[in-house]
Protein backbone atom coordinates (compact mmCIF):
# COMPACT_ATOMS: atom_id res chain seq x y z
CA MET A 1 145.48 83.00 101.53
CA ALA A 2 142.95 86.10 102.53
CA PHE A 3 141.50 88.16 105.59
CA MET A 4 139.74 91.16 106.01
CA VAL A 5 140.01 93.66 107.94
CA ARG A 6 137.57 96.20 108.77
CA ASN A 7 137.84 100.25 109.82
CA LEU A 8 134.82 100.39 112.67
CA THR A 9 135.10 104.37 112.16
CA ALA A 10 134.45 104.15 108.44
CA GLY A 11 132.98 100.73 107.54
CA ILE A 12 135.02 99.89 104.69
CA PRO A 13 136.68 96.61 104.76
CA LEU A 14 139.93 95.96 102.80
CA ALA A 15 141.15 92.97 101.86
CA PHE A 16 144.70 92.23 102.11
CA MET A 17 145.89 89.30 99.80
CA LEU A 18 149.51 87.51 101.09
CA SER A 19 151.29 87.33 98.35
CA GLY A 20 154.32 84.37 97.80
CA CYS A 21 157.24 87.06 99.33
CA GLY A 22 155.28 87.32 102.75
CA VAL A 23 154.40 90.89 101.93
CA PRO A 24 150.68 92.06 101.57
CA THR A 25 149.36 93.77 98.94
CA ILE A 26 146.08 95.35 99.41
CA LYS A 27 143.36 94.83 97.01
CA VAL A 28 139.95 97.43 96.72
CA ASP A 29 139.11 98.99 93.92
CA PRO A 30 140.08 103.09 94.85
CA ALA A 31 137.35 104.27 92.12
CA LYS A 32 134.43 102.57 94.37
CA PHE A 33 135.19 104.94 97.06
CA SER A 34 134.91 108.99 98.04
CA THR A 35 137.74 111.06 97.82
CA LEU A 36 137.72 111.38 101.96
CA ALA A 37 137.49 107.46 102.29
CA LEU A 38 140.28 107.04 100.01
CA CYS A 39 142.25 109.89 101.74
CA ASP A 40 141.12 107.81 105.37
CA ARG A 41 142.64 104.39 103.75
CA VAL A 42 146.04 106.29 102.55
CA ASP A 43 145.90 107.71 106.20
CA VAL A 44 145.09 104.03 108.10
CA ILE A 45 147.94 102.10 105.70
CA GLN A 46 150.86 104.90 106.28
CA ARG A 47 150.00 104.79 109.29
CA THR A 48 150.52 101.12 110.91
CA SER A 49 153.19 100.74 107.78
CA GLY A 50 155.98 98.89 109.85
CA LEU A 51 153.83 98.13 112.33
CA VAL A 52 151.46 94.99 110.52
CA PHE A 53 153.22 95.28 107.09
CA GLU A 54 155.19 97.65 104.73
CA ALA A 55 152.94 99.40 102.64
CA PRO A 56 152.64 98.88 99.47
CA ARG A 57 153.86 102.52 97.64
CA ASP A 58 152.40 101.32 94.36
CA TYR A 59 148.76 100.82 95.93
CA ILE A 60 149.04 103.80 97.81
CA ASN A 61 150.55 105.41 94.26
CA GLU A 62 146.95 104.60 93.02
CA ILE A 63 144.73 105.86 95.14
CA TYR A 64 146.47 108.84 94.79
CA ASP A 65 146.26 109.02 91.15
CA GLU A 66 142.22 108.55 91.38
CA ILE A 67 142.15 110.98 93.95
CA GLU A 68 143.77 112.99 91.16
CA SER A 69 141.66 112.04 88.44
CA ARG A 70 138.45 113.75 90.02
CA ASN A 71 140.12 117.23 90.18
CA GLU A 72 138.90 118.20 93.26
CA PHE A 73 141.95 119.66 94.17
CA THR A 74 144.34 122.24 93.07
CA LYS A 75 148.09 120.46 91.80
CA THR A 76 149.56 122.49 94.58
CA GLU A 77 146.77 120.86 96.90
CA MET A 78 147.70 117.06 95.37
CA ARG A 79 151.72 118.17 95.61
CA LEU A 80 150.75 118.66 99.57
CA ILE A 81 149.12 115.71 99.56
CA ARG A 82 151.42 112.95 98.07
CA GLU A 83 153.65 114.72 100.17
CA ARG A 84 151.90 114.92 103.75
CA SER A 85 152.32 118.53 103.85
CA ILE A 86 150.28 121.31 104.49
CA SER A 87 149.88 124.98 103.46
CA VAL A 88 147.78 128.38 104.06
CA GLY A 89 145.14 128.92 101.28
CA MET A 90 144.79 124.55 100.98
CA SER A 91 140.82 123.78 101.09
CA GLU A 92 140.03 121.94 104.52
CA ASN A 93 139.43 118.48 102.71
CA ALA A 94 142.43 119.07 101.24
CA LEU A 95 144.26 119.23 104.93
CA LYS A 96 142.31 116.15 105.59
CA CYS A 97 143.21 114.49 103.03
CA SER A 98 146.94 115.39 103.65
CA TRP A 99 147.18 114.51 107.51
CA GLY A 100 144.10 112.15 108.07
CA ASN A 101 141.48 112.80 110.80
CA PRO A 102 142.52 115.17 113.28
CA THR A 103 142.85 114.21 117.46
CA ARG A 104 140.24 116.80 118.19
CA LYS A 105 138.79 119.60 116.48
CA ASN A 106 137.06 122.80 118.25
CA SER A 107 134.06 124.64 116.21
CA TYR A 108 133.48 128.25 116.37
CA SER A 109 132.46 131.45 115.13
CA SER A 110 134.58 134.36 115.27
CA SER A 111 133.03 138.35 115.50
CA LEU A 112 132.03 138.64 112.30
CA GLY A 113 130.25 135.97 112.11
CA LEU A 114 132.64 133.31 110.22
CA GLY A 115 133.02 130.01 110.52
CA ARG A 116 136.50 128.99 112.30
CA THR A 117 137.99 125.28 113.24
CA GLN A 118 140.47 124.31 115.05
CA TYR A 119 142.23 121.21 113.70
CA VAL A 120 144.58 119.49 116.61
CA TYR A 121 146.91 116.63 115.63
CA ASP A 122 148.45 115.29 118.23
CA HIS A 123 152.14 113.85 117.71
CA SER A 124 154.86 112.04 119.83
CA PHE A 125 156.80 115.06 119.92
CA ALA A 126 154.33 118.41 119.21
CA ASP A 127 151.36 118.95 118.76
CA TYR A 128 150.21 120.62 115.58
CA TYR A 129 147.13 123.49 115.33
CA VAL A 130 145.85 123.87 112.38
CA TYR A 131 143.17 126.85 111.49
CA VAL A 132 140.49 126.98 109.34
CA GLU A 133 138.13 129.56 108.25
CA ASP A 134 135.42 128.16 106.06
CA GLY A 135 136.77 125.55 104.35
CA VAL A 136 140.24 126.93 103.70
CA VAL A 137 143.31 126.51 106.22
CA THR A 138 143.97 130.27 106.98
CA SER A 139 147.19 129.44 110.04
CA TRP A 140 148.63 126.72 111.80
CA SER A 141 151.26 126.59 114.46
CA LYS A 142 153.74 123.81 116.05
CA HIS A 143 154.05 123.55 119.93
CA GLU A 144 156.39 120.97 121.03
CA ARG A 145 155.72 119.11 124.02
C-alpha cells in the first residue's frame, strides 16, 4: 500500500511504501534533488520521527552519502551535518543542512557594509541565535527560556 505526502513549502512529494512489518520506508531517488532540498527532507524526516513513523536510519544515511558525494561541504561540515551540530566557520548552507530552516531570519548590514544574517531557531526549552556574515557562521548563542 502506498500514499503520497507533499510538503507544500518545498513542493517535493515523498512516497511512503508500507512494508509488511508496518514501518514505512521512504522511496525517493536522492540524486534527483538539490542539496538543500535533500537537507530539508532529512530535517522533515527527523522532526516527524516518532510522531508519524520511525525514521529509517538507512535512508537518512543514503541521503547524507549523496550530499557528501557532491563535495559541496568540507569533511568537517559533513561530520557536523550528520551529527546535527554547528560550529563557527561552517558555511551558511551547511548550517541550513544541519539544523534545517530557522523559525525566523533577520538580515541587516554592518557598519562596514558586510551582509549579516541572524537565524533564530526556537526549541522547547531554549532559543538559539546563529549569526552569519558573508555566508559563514561567525557566532551563535543559546538562550534558556
